[in-house]
């Protein structure tokens, strides 16, 4: 693995034989960190939004699972 920092970005080089599922999970986490880097929202607000989103999704899709 090689990590290189420039003025504008950090470059990460990984071997081609790395586990792609683990790599995708890491990329998803890094995207989350990038998206929330400048957020002033507290964890309580984030949890509330997540619960509202899950409830709305379940209301819309529960017919697919419960008949």
N, C-alpha and C. Protein backbone atom coordinates (compact mmCIF):
# COMPACT_ATOMS: atom_id res chain seq x y z
N UNK A 1 0.85 -1.17 0.00
CA UNK A 1 0.00 0.00 0.00
C UNK A 1 0.90 1.23 0.00
N UNK A 2 0.45 2.25 -0.72
CA UNK A 2 1.19 3.49 -0.80
C UNK A 2 0.22 4.65 -0.62
N UNK A 3 0.56 5.59 0.25
CA UNK A 3 -0.26 6.77 0.48
C UNK A 3 0.58 7.99 0.11
N UNK A 4 -0.01 8.86 -0.70
CA UNK A 4 0.69 10.06 -1.15
C UNK A 4 -0.23 11.26 -0.96
N UNK A 5 0.26 12.31 -0.35
CA UNK A 5 -0.52 13.52 -0.11
C UNK A 5 -0.03 14.62 -1.06
N UNK A 6 -0.97 15.27 -1.72
CA UNK A 6 -0.67 16.44 -2.55
C UNK A 6 -1.36 17.65 -1.91
N UNK A 7 -1.26 18.79 -2.52
CA UNK A 7 -1.93 19.98 -1.99
C UNK A 7 -3.45 19.84 -2.01
N UNK A 8 -3.98 19.07 -2.95
CA UNK A 8 -5.43 19.00 -3.15
C UNK A 8 -6.05 17.65 -2.79
N UNK A 9 -5.25 16.59 -2.63
CA UNK A 9 -5.85 15.28 -2.41
C UNK A 9 -4.87 14.32 -1.76
N UNK A 10 -5.41 13.19 -1.34
CA UNK A 10 -4.60 12.09 -0.83
C UNK A 10 -4.79 10.92 -1.78
N UNK A 11 -3.72 10.37 -2.27
CA UNK A 11 -3.76 9.25 -3.20
C UNK A 11 -3.43 7.97 -2.45
N UNK A 12 -4.22 6.96 -2.66
CA UNK A 12 -4.04 5.68 -1.99
C UNK A 12 -3.92 4.60 -3.05
N UNK A 13 -2.80 3.91 -3.08
CA UNK A 13 -2.59 2.83 -4.05
C UNK A 13 -2.62 1.51 -3.31
N UNK A 14 -3.43 0.59 -3.81
CA UNK A 14 -3.61 -0.72 -3.18
C UNK A 14 -3.26 -1.82 -4.18
N UNK A 15 -2.84 -2.98 -3.68
CA UNK A 15 -2.56 -4.07 -4.60
C UNK A 15 -3.85 -4.57 -5.27
N UNK A 16 -3.73 -5.08 -6.46
CA UNK A 16 -4.90 -5.51 -7.24
C UNK A 16 -5.62 -6.71 -6.61
N UNK A 17 -4.97 -7.44 -5.74
CA UNK A 17 -5.59 -8.64 -5.17
C UNK A 17 -6.34 -8.36 -3.87
N UNK A 18 -6.60 -7.12 -3.56
CA UNK A 18 -7.32 -6.78 -2.32
C UNK A 18 -8.79 -7.19 -2.42
N UNK A 19 -9.39 -7.55 -1.29
CA UNK A 19 -10.80 -7.94 -1.21
C UNK A 19 -11.69 -6.78 -1.64
N UNK A 20 -12.45 -6.94 -2.72
CA UNK A 20 -13.24 -5.83 -3.25
C UNK A 20 -14.43 -5.48 -2.36
N UNK A 21 -15.00 -6.45 -1.64
CA UNK A 21 -16.12 -6.14 -0.75
C UNK A 21 -15.63 -5.23 0.38
N UNK A 22 -14.52 -5.58 0.99
CA UNK A 22 -13.96 -4.73 2.04
C UNK A 22 -13.56 -3.37 1.51
N UNK A 23 -13.02 -3.34 0.32
CA UNK A 23 -12.64 -2.08 -0.31
C UNK A 23 -13.86 -1.21 -0.56
N UNK A 24 -14.96 -1.80 -1.03
CA UNK A 24 -16.18 -1.03 -1.27
C UNK A 24 -16.72 -0.45 0.03
N UNK A 25 -16.67 -1.22 1.09
CA UNK A 25 -17.13 -0.71 2.38
C UNK A 25 -16.27 0.46 2.84
N UNK A 26 -14.97 0.37 2.62
CA UNK A 26 -14.08 1.46 2.98
C UNK A 26 -14.37 2.70 2.13
N UNK A 27 -14.61 2.51 0.84
CA UNK A 27 -14.92 3.63 -0.05
C UNK A 27 -16.23 4.29 0.37
N UNK A 28 -17.23 3.49 0.72
CA UNK A 28 -18.51 4.03 1.18
C UNK A 28 -18.31 4.88 2.43
N UNK A 29 -17.48 4.40 3.35
CA UNK A 29 -17.20 5.15 4.57
C UNK A 29 -16.49 6.46 4.25
N UNK A 30 -15.53 6.41 3.34
CA UNK A 30 -14.80 7.63 2.97
C UNK A 30 -15.72 8.64 2.28
N UNK A 31 -16.65 8.15 1.47
CA UNK A 31 -17.62 9.04 0.83
C UNK A 31 -18.50 9.71 1.89
N UNK A 32 -18.89 8.94 2.89
CA UNK A 32 -19.67 9.48 4.00
C UNK A 32 -18.88 10.56 4.73
N UNK A 33 -17.61 10.28 5.02
CA UNK A 33 -16.76 11.26 5.72
C UNK A 33 -16.60 12.53 4.89
N UNK A 34 -16.44 12.37 3.59
CA UNK A 34 -16.31 13.53 2.70
C UNK A 34 -17.60 14.35 2.70
N UNK A 35 -18.73 13.67 2.62
CA UNK A 35 -20.02 14.36 2.53
C UNK A 35 -20.37 15.08 3.83
N UNK A 36 -19.89 14.58 4.95
CA UNK A 36 -20.26 15.16 6.24
C UNK A 36 -19.13 15.97 6.87
N UNK A 37 -18.05 16.18 6.16
CA UNK A 37 -16.88 16.84 6.73
C UNK A 37 -17.18 18.24 7.26
N UNK A 38 -18.04 18.96 6.61
CA UNK A 38 -18.32 20.34 7.02
C UNK A 38 -19.69 20.50 7.66
N UNK A 39 -20.28 19.38 8.05
CA UNK A 39 -21.60 19.41 8.66
C UNK A 39 -21.53 19.84 10.12
N UNK A 40 -22.49 20.64 10.53
CA UNK A 40 -22.60 21.05 11.93
C UNK A 40 -23.72 20.32 12.64
N UNK A 41 -24.29 19.32 11.99
CA UNK A 41 -25.40 18.57 12.54
C UNK A 41 -24.91 17.64 13.63
N UNK A 42 -25.68 17.54 14.72
CA UNK A 42 -25.27 16.63 15.78
C UNK A 42 -25.84 15.23 15.56
N UNK A 43 -25.33 14.26 16.29
CA UNK A 43 -25.70 12.87 16.10
C UNK A 43 -27.19 12.63 16.33
N UNK A 44 -27.78 13.35 17.27
CA UNK A 44 -29.22 13.19 17.55
C UNK A 44 -30.06 13.54 16.32
N UNK A 45 -29.72 14.62 15.63
CA UNK A 45 -30.44 15.01 14.42
C UNK A 45 -30.23 13.97 13.31
N UNK A 46 -29.03 13.46 13.19
CA UNK A 46 -28.74 12.44 12.18
C UNK A 46 -29.56 11.18 12.45
N UNK A 47 -29.61 10.75 13.71
CA UNK A 47 -30.38 9.56 14.07
C UNK A 47 -31.87 9.75 13.79
N UNK A 48 -32.38 10.94 14.08
CA UNK A 48 -33.80 11.23 13.81
C UNK A 48 -34.08 11.14 12.31
N UNK A 49 -33.24 11.74 11.50
CA UNK A 49 -33.41 11.70 10.05
C UNK A 49 -33.33 10.26 9.53
N UNK A 50 -32.39 9.49 10.05
CA UNK A 50 -32.25 8.08 9.63
C UNK A 50 -33.51 7.29 9.97
N UNK A 51 -34.06 7.49 11.16
CA UNK A 51 -35.27 6.79 11.57
C UNK A 51 -36.47 7.19 10.72
N UNK A 52 -36.57 8.47 10.40
CA UNK A 52 -37.66 8.94 9.53
C UNK A 52 -37.54 8.33 8.14
N UNK A 53 -36.34 8.27 7.65
CA UNK A 53 -36.10 7.69 6.32
C UNK A 53 -36.46 6.21 6.29
N UNK A 54 -36.05 5.49 7.32
CA UNK A 54 -36.36 4.06 7.39
C UNK A 54 -37.86 3.83 7.49
N UNK A 55 -38.53 4.65 8.29
CA UNK A 55 -39.98 4.50 8.45
C UNK A 55 -40.70 4.78 7.13
N UNK A 56 -40.26 5.81 6.42
CA UNK A 56 -40.89 6.14 5.13
C UNK A 56 -40.65 5.02 4.13
N UNK A 57 -39.43 4.48 4.12
CA UNK A 57 -39.13 3.38 3.19
C UNK A 57 -39.99 2.17 3.52
N UNK A 58 -40.10 1.82 4.79
CA UNK A 58 -40.87 0.65 5.20
C UNK A 58 -42.33 0.83 4.83
N UNK A 59 -42.89 2.01 5.05
CA UNK A 59 -44.29 2.28 4.72
C UNK A 59 -44.54 2.07 3.23
N UNK A 60 -43.60 2.48 2.41
CA UNK A 60 -43.73 2.37 0.96
C UNK A 60 -43.52 0.94 0.46
N UNK A 61 -42.69 0.16 1.12
CA UNK A 61 -42.28 -1.14 0.59
C UNK A 61 -42.74 -2.36 1.38
N UNK A 62 -43.41 -2.18 2.53
CA UNK A 62 -43.75 -3.33 3.36
C UNK A 62 -44.67 -4.33 2.65
N UNK A 63 -45.47 -3.86 1.70
CA UNK A 63 -46.35 -4.77 0.97
C UNK A 63 -45.56 -5.83 0.20
N UNK A 64 -44.31 -5.54 -0.11
CA UNK A 64 -43.48 -6.51 -0.82
C UNK A 64 -43.03 -7.65 0.08
N UNK A 65 -43.06 -7.43 1.40
CA UNK A 65 -42.57 -8.42 2.35
C UNK A 65 -43.67 -9.08 3.16
N UNK A 66 -44.75 -8.36 3.40
CA UNK A 66 -45.87 -8.88 4.20
C UNK A 66 -47.11 -8.88 3.34
N UNK A 67 -47.71 -10.04 3.21
CA UNK A 67 -48.91 -10.14 2.38
C UNK A 67 -50.07 -10.64 3.18
